[in-house]
Amino acid sequence: MWGALPELPRRHAIVATADLRGNLWFGYTNNRVARVHDSTVQMLDAADGVNVGTVTAIFACATHIWIGGDLGLARFDGTRFVSVLGASGNPFTLISGIIETETGELWLNGNTGVSHISRGEIERTVRDPTYRPQYEAFDYLDGIPGTAVQVRPLPTIAETSDGRLWFSMTEGIVSIAPTRIRRNSLPPPLTIWSVTAGNRTYDVGPSALLLPIYTTNLQIEYTAGSLSIPERVRFRYQLEGLDKTWQDVAGQREAFYANLSPGPYTFHVIAANNDGVWNNVGASLHFTIMPAFYQTRWFYALCALLCLAALVTLHRLRLRQVRAQTHRLVEARLQAQLSERERIARVLHDTLLQSVQGLILRFQAVADRIPKREPARDLMENSLERADQVLAESRDRVKDLRALDGDVAELAQALAAEGEQLALAHPARFRASVEGVRRDLHPIVREEALLIAREALGNAFRHAGAQHIEAEVSFGAAALHIRIRDDGGGISADVLRAGGRPGHFGLLGMRERAEKIRGHLDIWSKPDAGTEIDLRVPADIAYRRSQGGSRRTWSWRDIFHSSAQQH
């Protein structure tokens, strides 16, 4: 009964066939296939790719071995079986008949009717085992009576000598002549019937459709004309402005959209007839959903402007807080420095200078006792004169350490008086000028600025050898400027880079004073081209605040300038 082959299963085969090489193929339940050559048996199962369930159909031709069952279709590649899925990703199921014709086309008889895979799709499947072939389906719409028979006799497909295929179906026998199948080559015409939004239906015309505000949900009805098998018509649609790709909806003749935003849209729909011929031109519908006032661009722009204005206001308030805090800190530090400087001045005046003055008087008394013709007396007299000069210079320095007297608003006058005083002892011509509306200055700023200008003027008169010296005070909206110019011999680049001559601290002291009041000191000079010293102090630090509660007019320049100074 088993052909004296103990390797064969001890049960009847569901289906059996022979190939052109003399091999016998037997199909069993539970994914089992037997190949017998002479007396050699090879059993193939799930480990060899058999994944069709109960094997109910086997077809062998010169190039392929096909098996089918209740769970799918598979092809033998010479070593193992490879499962074949349809283009939709679904398996071919309940296959009870398989035939590959001489033209290389594959026909299947299964639970969905008759399936036809062309030769080109078969060849592509052989080249790429992962490829899912396109196929043609014949069912009750084509006159197929039922589905494939699943009981013996198997297989349920037979080919006669005239090339006609016969199929055993649950409700009768049917035949198909593959060479005489009529094809529908006309693409189906498409029509968009209507658009329903809310409780209102709009007819579609040649012009664009305007839909009212608050429209969010749409239903679009469309159809395609096909007189052969209208049930086989397939549709794809896309809504420009929302869909990124085409939506394949098979035979569905309605499109639904929800949560649409205001704006313009274009709806496209294409269709294919029962033989897969596509109308790629399709039909289109242009419509626009009108926005509510709060959905318009101008409303968004207004909101953006309001947010920007709020941010600018908060930024300005924060800047004012930072400026006020910085002003308090700077003022407190400068006041502490001023107090310390005055204390040092008092200590120097009350102790060191007084002691030096006493020593000079005592040495003078000693010098008076030395005869006039003695060389020691001349040496003593010269030393006493030098001591008087040192004492005078020391008193000037102590004077610089103390706070300046006078009205805080008279910086320009104080500077002019200082220059005129120096001009009395030097041949250079001096000129002072004022630009802008005079403003009340912070007393510490006024004092430090005047000391810087005094040092610059002293250097110009004593060391520059200039013929003309100018002092200019400019009360600007953004900053206080003090400029000292001369046409003298200038300062060498090496001295500027070093911050002054060795043993001299004039330039260094000017820069340190400028830093104390958050000012910026620029020094320009070239040999024989003169020198210009420019002190710039930010307005927020230099000028006193208005006591009357008046508001200051702000500009973007002021804001950014103040921010740069704070950093």
Protein backbone atom coordinates (compact mmCIF):
# COMPACT_ATOMS: atom_id res chain seq x y z
CA MET A 1 0.00 0.00 0.00
CA TRP A 2 2.90 2.43 0.75
CA GLY A 3 4.98 1.21 -2.14
CA ALA A 4 7.40 -0.52 0.19
CA LEU A 5 8.66 2.97 1.16
CA PRO A 6 8.67 3.18 4.96
CA GLU A 7 9.57 6.91 4.85
CA LEU A 8 6.14 7.83 3.47
CA PRO A 9 3.43 8.82 6.00
CA ARG A 10 1.03 6.06 7.01
CA ARG A 11 -1.99 7.84 5.61
CA HIS A 12 -3.51 8.53 2.22
CA ALA A 13 -2.15 11.49 0.22
CA ILE A 14 -4.65 14.29 -0.46
CA VAL A 15 -3.25 14.94 -3.93
CA ALA A 16 -0.49 13.46 -6.09
CA THR A 17 1.25 14.29 -9.40
CA ALA A 18 4.39 13.56 -11.39
CA ASP A 19 6.85 16.03 -12.94
CA LEU A 20 8.77 15.79 -16.22
CA ARG A 21 11.86 14.43 -14.45
CA GLY A 22 10.08 11.36 -13.19
CA ASN A 23 9.62 12.60 -9.63
CA LEU A 24 6.41 11.82 -7.79
CA TRP A 25 4.90 14.48 -5.54
CA PHE A 26 2.41 13.73 -2.74
CA GLY A 27 0.54 16.27 -0.65
CA TYR A 28 -0.58 15.63 2.95
CA THR A 29 -2.08 17.44 5.85
CA ASN A 30 -0.10 19.60 8.32
CA ASN A 31 2.28 21.21 5.78
CA ARG A 32 3.83 18.00 4.52
CA VAL A 33 4.96 17.18 0.97
CA ALA A 34 6.78 14.03 -0.18
CA ARG A 35 9.03 13.85 -3.24
CA VAL A 36 9.86 10.32 -4.47
CA HIS A 37 12.58 9.61 -7.03
CA ASP A 38 13.09 5.90 -7.76
CA SER A 39 13.04 4.51 -4.22
CA THR A 40 14.34 7.66 -2.49
CA VAL A 41 11.89 9.65 -0.40
CA GLN A 42 12.41 13.28 0.61
CA MET A 43 9.94 14.71 3.13
CA LEU A 44 9.45 18.47 3.06
CA ASP A 45 7.61 20.31 5.85
CA ALA A 46 7.37 23.73 7.51
CA ALA A 47 11.15 23.80 8.02
CA ASP A 48 11.45 23.64 4.21
CA GLY A 49 9.00 26.50 3.62
CA VAL A 50 5.80 24.46 3.35
CA ASN A 51 3.24 26.78 4.94
CA VAL A 52 -0.01 26.10 3.11
CA GLY A 53 -1.78 23.90 5.68
CA THR A 54 -3.39 20.88 4.06
CA VAL A 55 -1.89 20.45 0.57
CA THR A 56 -4.87 20.16 -1.81
CA ALA A 57 -3.24 21.03 -5.14
CA ILE A 58 0.13 20.28 -6.77
CA PHE A 59 1.11 21.28 -10.29
CA ALA A 60 4.42 20.37 -11.92
CA CYS A 61 5.71 21.85 -15.16
CA ALA A 62 9.07 22.10 -16.83
CA THR A 63 10.22 25.03 -14.70
CA HIS A 64 8.07 25.18 -11.56
CA ILE A 65 6.49 23.08 -8.88
CA TRP A 66 3.44 24.80 -7.35
CA ILE A 67 1.55 23.68 -4.29
CA GLY A 68 -1.64 25.12 -2.84
CA GLY A 69 -3.69 24.49 0.24
CA ASP A 70 -6.22 25.95 2.59
CA LEU A 71 -3.73 28.55 3.90
CA GLY A 72 -1.87 29.74 0.79
CA LEU A 73 0.25 29.21 -2.31
CA ALA A 74 3.96 28.29 -2.57
CA ARG A 75 6.60 27.69 -5.28
CA PHE A 76 9.48 25.19 -5.10
CA ASP A 77 12.80 26.85 -6.07
CA GLY A 78 14.75 23.58 -6.26
CA THR A 79 15.72 23.55 -2.59
CA ARG A 80 12.75 24.78 -0.57
CA PHE A 81 9.26 26.20 -0.98
CA VAL A 82 8.68 29.98 -1.09
CA SER A 83 5.28 31.40 -0.15
CA VAL A 84 3.56 33.71 -2.68
CA LEU A 85 1.19 36.47 -1.55
CA GLY A 86 -1.08 38.64 -3.67
CA ALA A 87 -0.48 42.34 -4.35
CA SER A 88 -2.78 43.28 -1.47
CA GLY A 89 -0.63 41.28 0.94
CA ASN A 90 -3.31 38.64 1.48
CA PRO A 91 -2.63 34.93 0.76
CA PHE A 92 -4.44 32.85 -1.83
CA THR A 93 -6.56 30.52 0.35
CA LEU A 94 -8.48 27.24 -0.07
CA ILE A 95 -6.76 26.47 -3.35
CA SER A 96 -7.89 23.17 -4.80
CA GLY A 97 -6.67 23.58 -8.37
CA ILE A 98 -3.49 24.96 -10.01
CA ILE A 99 -2.50 25.11 -13.71
CA GLU A 100 0.38 26.91 -15.43
CA THR A 101 -0.40 27.09 -19.13
CA GLU A 102 2.06 26.72 -21.97
CA THR A 103 2.13 30.50 -22.30
CA GLY A 104 3.48 30.74 -18.71
CA GLU A 105 0.31 32.08 -17.09
CA LEU A 106 -0.82 30.74 -13.73
CA TRP A 107 -4.49 29.94 -12.92
CA LEU A 108 -5.75 29.20 -9.41
CA ASN A 109 -9.13 27.95 -8.19
CA GLY A 110 -9.85 28.98 -4.60
CA ASN A 111 -12.44 30.25 -2.16
CA THR A 112 -12.64 33.71 -3.79
CA GLY A 113 -13.15 32.30 -7.28
CA VAL A 114 -10.68 32.00 -10.12
CA SER A 115 -7.39 33.95 -9.96
CA HIS A 116 -5.13 34.64 -12.94
CA ILE A 117 -1.45 35.73 -12.68
CA SER A 118 0.24 36.81 -15.90
CA ARG A 119 3.54 35.46 -17.15
CA GLY A 120 5.35 38.73 -16.51
CA GLU A 121 4.25 38.76 -12.88
CA ILE A 122 5.33 35.11 -12.50
CA GLU A 123 8.78 35.86 -13.91
CA ARG A 124 9.17 38.81 -11.54
CA THR A 125 8.14 36.62 -8.62
CA VAL A 126 10.79 34.05 -9.59
CA ARG A 127 13.47 36.78 -9.73
CA ASP A 128 12.39 38.38 -6.45
CA PRO A 129 10.88 35.97 -3.89
CA THR A 130 9.60 38.92 -1.84
CA TYR A 131 7.60 40.38 -4.74
CA ARG A 132 3.80 40.32 -4.47
CA PRO A 133 2.32 39.79 -7.94
CA GLN A 134 -0.69 41.60 -9.37
CA TYR A 135 -3.50 39.23 -10.31
CA GLU A 136 -6.87 39.18 -12.05
CA ALA A 137 -9.90 37.80 -10.19
CA PHE A 138 -13.01 36.19 -11.65
CA ASP A 139 -15.99 35.72 -9.36
CA TYR A 140 -19.79 35.76 -9.43
CA LEU A 141 -19.73 39.13 -11.22
CA ASP A 142 -18.07 37.36 -14.16
CA GLY A 143 -20.50 34.43 -14.06
CA ILE A 144 -18.43 32.09 -11.88
CA PRO A 145 -20.91 29.79 -10.05
CA GLY A 146 -19.73 29.76 -6.44
CA THR A 147 -16.25 28.96 -5.18
CA ALA A 148 -13.77 26.13 -5.69
CA VAL A 149 -14.80 22.64 -4.59
CA GLN A 150 -12.73 21.49 -1.60
CA VAL A 151 -13.46 17.72 -1.70
CA ARG A 152 -12.38 15.00 -4.04
CA PRO A 153 -12.00 14.59 -6.91
CA LEU A 154 -8.96 16.91 -6.90
CA PRO A 155 -7.57 18.97 -8.53
CA THR A 156 -10.50 21.19 -9.54
CA ILE A 157 -8.88 22.62 -12.72
CA ALA A 158 -8.39 20.81 -16.00
CA GLU A 159 -7.08 22.00 -19.37
CA THR A 160 -8.38 20.50 -22.61
CA SER A 161 -6.50 20.20 -25.87
CA ASP A 162 -8.16 23.33 -27.28
CA GLY A 163 -6.60 25.41 -24.51
CA ARG A 164 -9.84 25.90 -22.63
CA LEU A 165 -9.72 25.68 -18.82
CA TRP A 166 -12.46 23.93 -16.83
CA PHE A 167 -13.17 24.69 -13.19
CA SER A 168 -15.16 22.66 -10.71
CA MET A 169 -17.14 25.10 -8.54
CA THR A 170 -19.57 24.57 -5.69
CA GLU A 171 -22.52 25.49 -7.91
CA GLY A 172 -21.44 23.98 -11.19
CA ILE A 173 -18.80 23.63 -13.85
CA VAL A 174 -17.45 26.65 -15.74
CA SER A 175 -14.93 27.00 -18.51
CA ILE A 176 -12.69 29.90 -19.55
CA ALA A 177 -10.89 30.32 -22.85
CA PRO A 178 -7.84 32.41 -21.90
CA THR A 179 -7.29 33.60 -25.47
CA ARG A 180 -10.89 34.79 -25.88
CA ILE A 181 -11.33 36.88 -22.75
CA ARG A 182 -12.80 40.24 -23.69
CA ARG A 183 -11.04 43.22 -22.17
CA ASN A 184 -12.53 46.58 -21.31
CA SER A 185 -10.06 49.16 -22.61
CA LEU A 186 -12.13 52.25 -21.89
CA PRO A 187 -11.22 54.22 -18.75
CA PRO A 188 -14.30 55.05 -16.71
CA PRO A 189 -15.56 58.67 -16.80
CA LEU A 190 -15.73 60.33 -13.37
CA THR A 191 -18.26 62.71 -11.86
CA ILE A 192 -18.32 64.51 -8.51
CA TRP A 193 -21.97 64.84 -7.53
CA SER A 194 -22.19 66.87 -4.35
CA VAL A 195 -20.59 68.15 -1.17
CA THR A 196 -22.36 67.87 2.17
CA ALA A 197 -21.27 70.12 5.03
CA GLY A 198 -23.26 70.16 8.23
CA ASN A 199 -26.90 69.79 7.31
CA ARG A 200 -26.59 71.34 3.86
CA THR A 201 -25.77 69.75 0.52
CA TYR A 202 -24.04 71.83 -2.15
CA ASP A 203 -24.25 71.07 -5.86
CA VAL A 204 -20.95 71.00 -7.67
CA GLY A 205 -20.49 73.43 -10.53
CA PRO A 206 -17.62 74.66 -12.71
CA SER A 207 -16.66 77.42 -10.28
CA ALA A 208 -14.97 77.03 -6.93
CA LEU A 209 -17.24 76.31 -3.99
CA LEU A 210 -17.31 78.65 -0.97
CA LEU A 211 -18.22 76.96 2.28
CA PRO A 212 -19.31 78.97 5.34
CA ILE A 213 -17.31 79.58 8.49
CA TYR A 214 -17.14 76.88 11.15
CA THR A 215 -17.19 74.16 8.45
CA THR A 216 -15.03 71.28 9.69
CA ASN A 217 -16.66 68.05 8.41
CA LEU A 218 -17.27 67.21 4.74
CA GLN A 219 -18.82 64.39 2.75
CA ILE A 220 -18.02 64.32 -0.98
CA GLU A 221 -20.01 62.02 -3.28
CA TYR A 222 -18.58 60.87 -6.60
CA THR A 223 -19.04 58.01 -9.09
CA ALA A 224 -17.62 56.50 -12.29
CA GLY A 225 -19.55 55.21 -15.31
CA SER A 226 -18.90 51.58 -16.33
CA LEU A 227 -21.46 49.45 -18.19
CA SER A 228 -19.57 46.15 -18.03
CA ILE A 229 -19.01 45.44 -14.33
CA PRO A 230 -19.56 48.66 -12.35
CA GLU A 231 -19.01 46.80 -9.09
CA ARG A 232 -15.36 46.27 -10.11
CA VAL A 233 -14.57 49.95 -10.48
CA ARG A 234 -11.81 51.06 -8.09
CA PHE A 235 -11.28 54.60 -6.81
CA ARG A 236 -8.43 56.64 -5.43
CA TYR A 237 -8.75 60.19 -4.13
CA GLN A 238 -6.59 62.90 -2.61
CA LEU A 239 -7.40 66.22 -0.93
CA GLU A 240 -4.70 68.77 -1.70
CA GLY A 241 -4.00 70.78 1.42
CA LEU A 242 -4.48 67.75 3.70
CA ASP A 243 -3.61 64.34 2.16
CA LYS A 244 0.03 63.64 1.40
CA THR A 245 -0.65 60.55 -0.74
CA TRP A 246 -3.51 58.99 -2.69
CA GLN A 247 -6.12 57.12 -0.68
CA ASP A 248 -7.03 53.72 -2.25
CA VAL A 249 -10.67 53.08 -1.27
CA ALA A 250 -11.56 50.20 -3.66
CA GLY A 251 -15.24 50.66 -4.68
CA GLN A 252 -16.20 53.30 -2.10
CA ARG A 253 -18.01 56.24 -3.69
CA GLU A 254 -17.88 58.71 -0.82
CA ALA A 255 -15.04 60.60 0.83
CA PHE A 256 -15.28 61.81 4.42
CA TYR A 257 -13.12 64.47 6.05
CA ALA A 258 -13.21 65.84 9.59
CA ASN A 259 -11.52 68.65 11.53
CA LEU A 260 -10.72 70.69 8.45
CA SER A 261 -9.17 74.11 8.92
CA PRO A 262 -10.19 77.22 6.97
CA GLY A 263 -8.48 77.69 3.63
CA PRO A 264 -8.46 76.55 -0.02
CA TYR A 265 -8.60 72.86 -0.95
CA THR A 266 -8.69 70.78 -4.14
CA PHE A 267 -10.26 67.32 -4.20
CA HIS A 268 -9.01 64.89 -6.90
CA VAL A 269 -10.50 61.47 -7.67
CA ILE A 270 -9.37 58.88 -10.26
CA ALA A 271 -10.81 55.46 -11.10
CA ALA A 272 -10.02 52.14 -12.85
CA ASN A 273 -12.50 49.91 -14.71
CA ASN A 274 -13.01 46.19 -14.15
CA ASP A 275 -9.87 45.35 -16.15
CA GLY A 276 -7.62 47.80 -14.29
CA VAL A 277 -7.56 50.56 -16.93
CA TRP A 278 -7.15 53.84 -15.00
CA ASN A 279 -8.60 57.24 -15.77
CA ASN A 280 -5.67 59.26 -14.42
CA VAL A 281 -7.20 62.61 -15.38
CA GLY A 282 -10.17 61.99 -13.13
CA ALA A 283 -12.30 64.79 -11.72
CA SER A 284 -11.44 67.73 -9.46
CA LEU A 285 -13.31 69.98 -7.10
CA HIS A 286 -12.01 73.31 -5.79
CA PHE A 287 -13.52 74.68 -2.62
CA THR A 288 -12.62 77.13 0.11
CA ILE A 289 -13.68 77.10 3.75
CA MET A 290 -14.19 80.68 4.91
CA PRO A 291 -12.40 81.59 8.14
CA ALA A 292 -13.93 83.18 11.21
CA PHE A 293 -12.43 86.52 12.24
CA TYR A 294 -10.18 84.81 14.79
CA GLN A 295 -8.90 82.43 12.10
CA THR A 296 -7.72 85.11 9.68
CA ARG A 297 -4.13 86.08 9.05
CA TRP A 298 -4.65 89.65 10.19
CA PHE A 299 -5.96 88.35 13.53
CA TYR A 300 -2.89 86.13 13.92
CA ALA A 301 -0.69 89.09 12.99
CA LEU A 302 -2.46 91.27 15.55
CA CYS A 303 -1.97 88.63 18.24
CA ALA A 304 1.69 88.37 17.30
CA LEU A 305 2.06 92.15 17.52
CA LEU A 306 0.35 92.20 20.91
CA CYS A 307 2.64 89.46 22.17
CA LEU A 308 5.64 91.34 20.80
CA ALA A 309 4.46 94.55 22.44
CA ALA A 310 4.02 92.71 25.75
CA LEU A 311 7.51 91.25 25.47
CA VAL A 312 8.97 94.65 24.63
CA THR A 313 7.16 96.20 27.59
CA LEU A 314 8.41 93.49 29.94
CA HIS A 315 11.88 93.89 28.50
CA ARG A 316 11.81 97.62 29.09
CA LEU A 317 10.56 97.18 32.62
CA ARG A 318 13.31 94.70 33.29
CA LEU A 319 15.88 97.05 31.80
CA ARG A 320 14.64 99.84 34.03
CA GLN A 321 14.94 97.60 37.07
CA VAL A 322 18.44 96.52 36.09
CA ARG A 323 19.48 100.09 35.34
CA ALA A 324 18.10 101.33 38.64
CA GLN A 325 19.82 98.56 40.55
CA THR A 326 23.07 99.12 38.68
CA HIS A 327 22.81 102.86 39.29
CA ARG A 328 22.36 102.31 43.01
CA LEU A 329 25.28 99.93 43.19
CA VAL A 330 27.56 102.22 41.21
CA GLU A 331 26.53 105.23 43.25
CA ALA A 332 27.10 103.39 46.50
CA ARG A 333 30.51 102.19 45.37
CA LEU A 334 31.55 105.60 44.10
CA GLN A 335 30.31 107.25 47.27
CA ALA A 336 32.32 104.78 49.33
CA GLN A 337 35.37 105.44 47.21
CA LEU A 338 34.86 109.20 47.56
CA SER A 339 34.52 108.89 51.32
CA GLU A 340 37.66 106.79 51.51
CA ARG A 341 39.52 109.24 49.31
CA GLU A 342 38.50 112.18 51.50
CA ARG A 343 39.57 110.25 54.57
CA ILE A 344 42.96 109.61 53.02
CA ALA A 345 43.21 113.29 52.05
CA ARG A 346 42.48 114.36 55.61
CA VAL A 347 45.01 111.91 57.02
CA LEU A 348 47.68 113.08 54.57
CA HIS A 349 46.94 116.74 55.21
CA ASP A 350 46.74 116.44 58.99
CA THR A 351 49.75 114.17 59.43
CA LEU A 352 52.19 113.76 56.57
CA LEU A 353 51.96 117.25 55.02
CA GLN A 354 51.96 118.98 58.36
CA SER A 355 54.98 116.94 59.45
CA VAL A 356 56.80 117.73 56.21
CA GLN A 357 55.97 121.42 56.64
CA GLY A 358 57.43 121.29 60.17
CA LEU A 359 60.60 119.61 58.92
CA ILE A 360 61.01 122.25 56.22
CA LEU A 361 60.73 125.01 58.81
CA ARG A 362 63.30 123.34 61.04
CA PHE A 363 65.71 122.87 58.15
CA GLN A 364 65.17 126.49 57.19
CA ALA A 365 66.14 127.51 60.71
CA VAL A 366 69.31 125.42 60.41
CA ALA A 367 70.07 126.93 56.99
CA ASP A 368 69.73 130.45 58.39
CA ARG A 369 72.52 129.70 60.89
CA ILE A 370 74.98 128.68 58.18
CA PRO A 371 77.05 131.55 56.85
CA LYS A 372 76.01 132.71 53.41
CA ARG A 373 79.38 132.08 51.84
CA GLU A 374 79.51 128.47 52.93
CA PRO A 375 78.83 125.87 50.13
CA ALA A 376 76.67 123.91 52.56
CA ARG A 377 74.24 126.85 52.80
CA ASP A 378 73.73 126.93 49.00
CA LEU A 379 73.15 123.16 49.02
CA MET A 380 70.69 123.52 51.87
CA GLU A 381 68.84 126.38 50.11
CA ASN A 382 68.48 124.35 46.93
CA SER A 383 67.21 121.34 48.87
CA LEU A 384 64.65 123.52 50.70
CA GLU A 385 63.38 124.96 47.40
CA ARG A 386 62.94 121.44 46.06
CA ALA A 387 61.14 120.45 49.26
CA ASP A 388 58.76 123.43 48.81
CA GLN A 389 57.96 122.22 45.27
CA VAL A 390 57.32 118.68 46.47
CA LEU A 391 55.08 120.01 49.23
CA ALA A 392 53.12 122.14 46.74
CA GLU A 393 52.64 119.18 44.39
CA SER A 394 51.57 117.01 47.31
CA ARG A 395 48.97 119.59 48.35
CA ASP A 396 47.64 119.61 44.76
CA ARG A 397 47.32 115.84 44.84
CA VAL A 398 45.57 115.97 48.21
CA LYS A 399 43.26 118.59 46.73
CA ASP A 400 42.47 116.18 43.89
CA LEU A 401 41.52 113.54 46.43
CA ARG A 402 38.91 115.73 48.07
CA ALA A 403 35.45 116.41 46.69
CA LEU A 404 35.15 119.46 44.45
CA ASP A 405 33.10 122.40 45.55
CA GLY A 406 30.59 124.27 43.44
CA ASP A 407 27.33 123.71 41.64
CA VAL A 408 27.05 120.22 40.18
CA ALA A 409 25.67 121.58 36.94
CA GLU A 410 28.74 123.76 36.17
CA LEU A 411 31.11 121.13 34.80
CA ALA A 412 31.74 123.16 31.64
CA GLN A 413 32.47 126.32 33.63
CA ALA A 414 34.82 124.49 36.00
CA LEU A 415 36.64 122.96 33.06
CA ALA A 416 36.89 126.33 31.31
CA ALA A 417 38.23 127.96 34.48
CA GLU A 418 40.83 125.23 34.87
CA GLY A 419 42.00 125.69 31.29
CA GLU A 420 42.17 129.46 31.58
CA GLN A 421 44.19 129.15 34.76
CA LEU A 422 46.70 126.88 33.05
CA ALA A 423 46.83 129.16 30.02
CA LEU A 424 48.15 132.02 32.16
CA ALA A 425 51.46 130.19 32.63
CA HIS A 426 51.76 128.72 29.10
CA PRO A 427 51.82 130.25 25.63
CA ALA A 428 49.16 127.94 24.14
CA ARG A 429 45.77 129.37 23.19
CA PHE A 430 42.81 127.75 24.99
CA ARG A 431 39.17 127.52 23.90
CA ALA A 432 36.22 125.86 25.69
CA SER A 433 32.83 125.01 24.15
CA VAL A 434 29.53 123.37 25.13
CA GLU A 435 27.16 121.37 22.88
CA GLY A 436 23.59 120.35 23.65
CA VAL A 437 21.24 121.34 26.45
CA ARG A 438 22.98 121.42 29.80
CA ARG A 439 21.81 118.79 32.24
CA ASP A 440 22.25 118.14 35.92
CA LEU A 441 25.10 115.69 36.43
CA HIS A 442 25.54 113.15 39.13
CA PRO A 443 28.00 114.75 41.58
CA ILE A 444 30.38 111.79 41.53
CA VAL A 445 30.35 111.65 37.75
CA ARG A 446 30.94 115.40 37.58
CA GLU A 447 33.89 115.17 39.96
CA GLU A 448 35.55 112.17 38.30
CA ALA A 449 35.00 113.63 34.83
CA LEU A 450 36.48 116.96 35.88
CA LEU A 451 39.52 115.25 37.39
CA ILE A 452 40.05 113.29 34.18
CA ALA A 453 39.71 116.47 32.10
CA ARG A 454 42.00 118.38 34.47
CA GLU A 455 44.68 115.73 34.08
CA ALA A 456 44.29 115.81 30.29
CA LEU A 457 44.50 119.60 30.22
CA GLY A 458 47.55 119.60 32.49
CA ASN A 459 49.33 117.14 30.20
CA ALA A 460 48.43 119.18 27.14
CA PHE A 461 49.70 122.45 28.60
CA ARG A 462 52.81 121.07 30.29
CA HIS A 463 54.06 118.35 27.95
CA ALA A 464 52.48 118.61 24.50
CA GLY A 465 54.13 121.83 23.34
CA ALA A 466 50.84 122.70 21.65
CA GLN A 467 49.79 126.05 20.20
CA HIS A 468 46.05 125.42 20.44
CA ILE A 469 44.16 123.45 23.08
CA GLU A 470 40.40 122.86 23.08
CA ALA A 471 38.00 121.53 25.68
CA GLU A 472 34.52 120.47 24.61
CA VAL A 473 31.61 119.27 26.76
CA SER A 474 28.69 117.62 24.87
CA PHE A 475 25.43 116.79 26.66
CA GLY A 476 24.12 114.05 24.34
CA ALA A 477 20.88 112.09 24.64
CA ALA A 478 22.76 108.80 24.90
CA ALA A 479 25.93 109.88 26.69
CA LEU A 480 27.96 112.71 28.15
CA HIS A 481 31.09 113.47 26.07
CA ILE A 482 34.17 115.40 27.21
CA ARG A 483 36.88 115.95 24.61
CA ILE A 484 40.33 117.51 25.10
CA ARG A 485 42.26 118.27 21.87
CA ASP A 486 45.67 119.78 21.16
CA ASP A 487 47.95 120.20 18.16
CA GLY A 488 51.14 119.33 20.01
CA GLY A 489 53.79 116.70 19.55
CA GLY A 490 51.49 113.80 20.37
CA ILE A 491 52.06 110.61 22.33
CA SER A 492 54.13 107.77 20.97
CA ALA A 493 52.48 104.45 20.22
CA ASP A 494 54.73 102.68 22.72
CA VAL A 495 53.59 104.98 25.53
CA LEU A 496 49.94 104.45 24.58
CA ARG A 497 50.33 100.68 24.56
CA ALA A 498 52.15 100.76 27.90
CA GLY A 499 49.47 102.98 29.45
CA GLY A 500 51.93 105.81 30.19
CA ARG A 501 55.59 106.51 30.79
CA PRO A 502 57.43 104.46 33.41
CA GLY A 503 56.96 106.00 36.82
CA HIS A 504 54.04 108.19 35.63
CA PHE A 505 50.42 107.27 36.32
CA GLY A 506 48.48 110.04 34.58
CA LEU A 507 47.02 107.97 31.72
CA LEU A 508 46.51 104.97 33.98
CA GLY A 509 44.69 107.09 36.55
CA MET A 510 42.45 108.60 33.88
CA ARG A 511 41.41 105.16 32.69
CA GLU A 512 40.78 103.96 36.21
CA ARG A 513 38.58 106.96 36.96
CA ALA A 514 36.63 106.36 33.73
CA GLU A 515 36.01 102.75 34.70
CA LYS A 516 34.73 103.80 38.12
CA ILE A 517 31.87 105.78 36.54
CA ARG A 518 31.20 103.15 33.87
CA GLY A 519 32.67 105.46 31.24
CA HIS A 520 34.78 104.76 28.18
CA LEU A 521 38.02 106.64 27.54
CA ASP A 522 39.42 106.84 24.00
CA ILE A 523 42.87 108.33 23.35
CA TRP A 524 43.92 109.17 19.80
CA SER A 525 47.38 110.50 19.12
CA LYS A 526 50.10 110.56 16.51
CA PRO A 527 53.56 112.14 16.65
CA ASP A 528 53.43 115.82 15.51
CA ALA A 529 49.67 115.44 14.84
CA GLY A 530 48.31 116.21 18.26
CA THR A 531 46.23 114.30 20.75
CA GLU A 532 42.52 113.90 21.37
CA ILE A 533 41.10 112.42 24.57
CA ASP A 534 37.41 111.49 24.51
CA LEU A 535 35.52 110.51 27.67
CA ARG A 536 32.04 109.03 27.15
CA VAL A 537 29.73 108.32 30.11
CA PRO A 538 26.29 106.68 29.49
CA ALA A 539 23.36 109.04 30.04
CA ASP A 540 21.73 106.72 32.61
CA ILE A 541 24.80 107.11 34.83
CA ALA A 542 25.92 110.63 34.01
CA TYR A 543 22.65 112.56 34.34
CA ARG A 544 20.56 112.96 37.42
CA ARG A 545 17.04 111.58 37.30
CA SER A 546 14.17 114.01 36.96
CA GLN A 547 12.71 114.90 40.35
CA GLY A 548 9.36 115.94 38.93
CA GLY A 549 8.31 112.48 37.87
CA SER A 550 8.58 113.26 34.19
CA ARG A 551 8.88 110.29 31.92
CA ARG A 552 11.79 109.72 29.64
CA THR A 553 11.22 109.02 25.95
CA TRP A 554 12.74 105.67 25.09
CA SER A 555 14.06 104.40 21.78
CA TRP A 556 15.49 101.14 20.53
CA ARG A 557 18.90 102.80 20.38
CA ASP A 558 18.67 103.70 24.07
CA ILE A 559 17.66 100.16 25.01
CA PHE A 560 20.42 98.44 23.07
CA HIS A 561 23.01 101.01 24.13
CA SER A 562 22.07 100.54 27.77
CA SER A 563 22.17 96.77 27.40
CA ALA A 564 25.64 96.95 25.88
CA GLN A 565 26.86 99.18 28.70
CA GLN A 566 25.53 96.79 31.33
CA HIS A 567 27.36 93.90 29.78
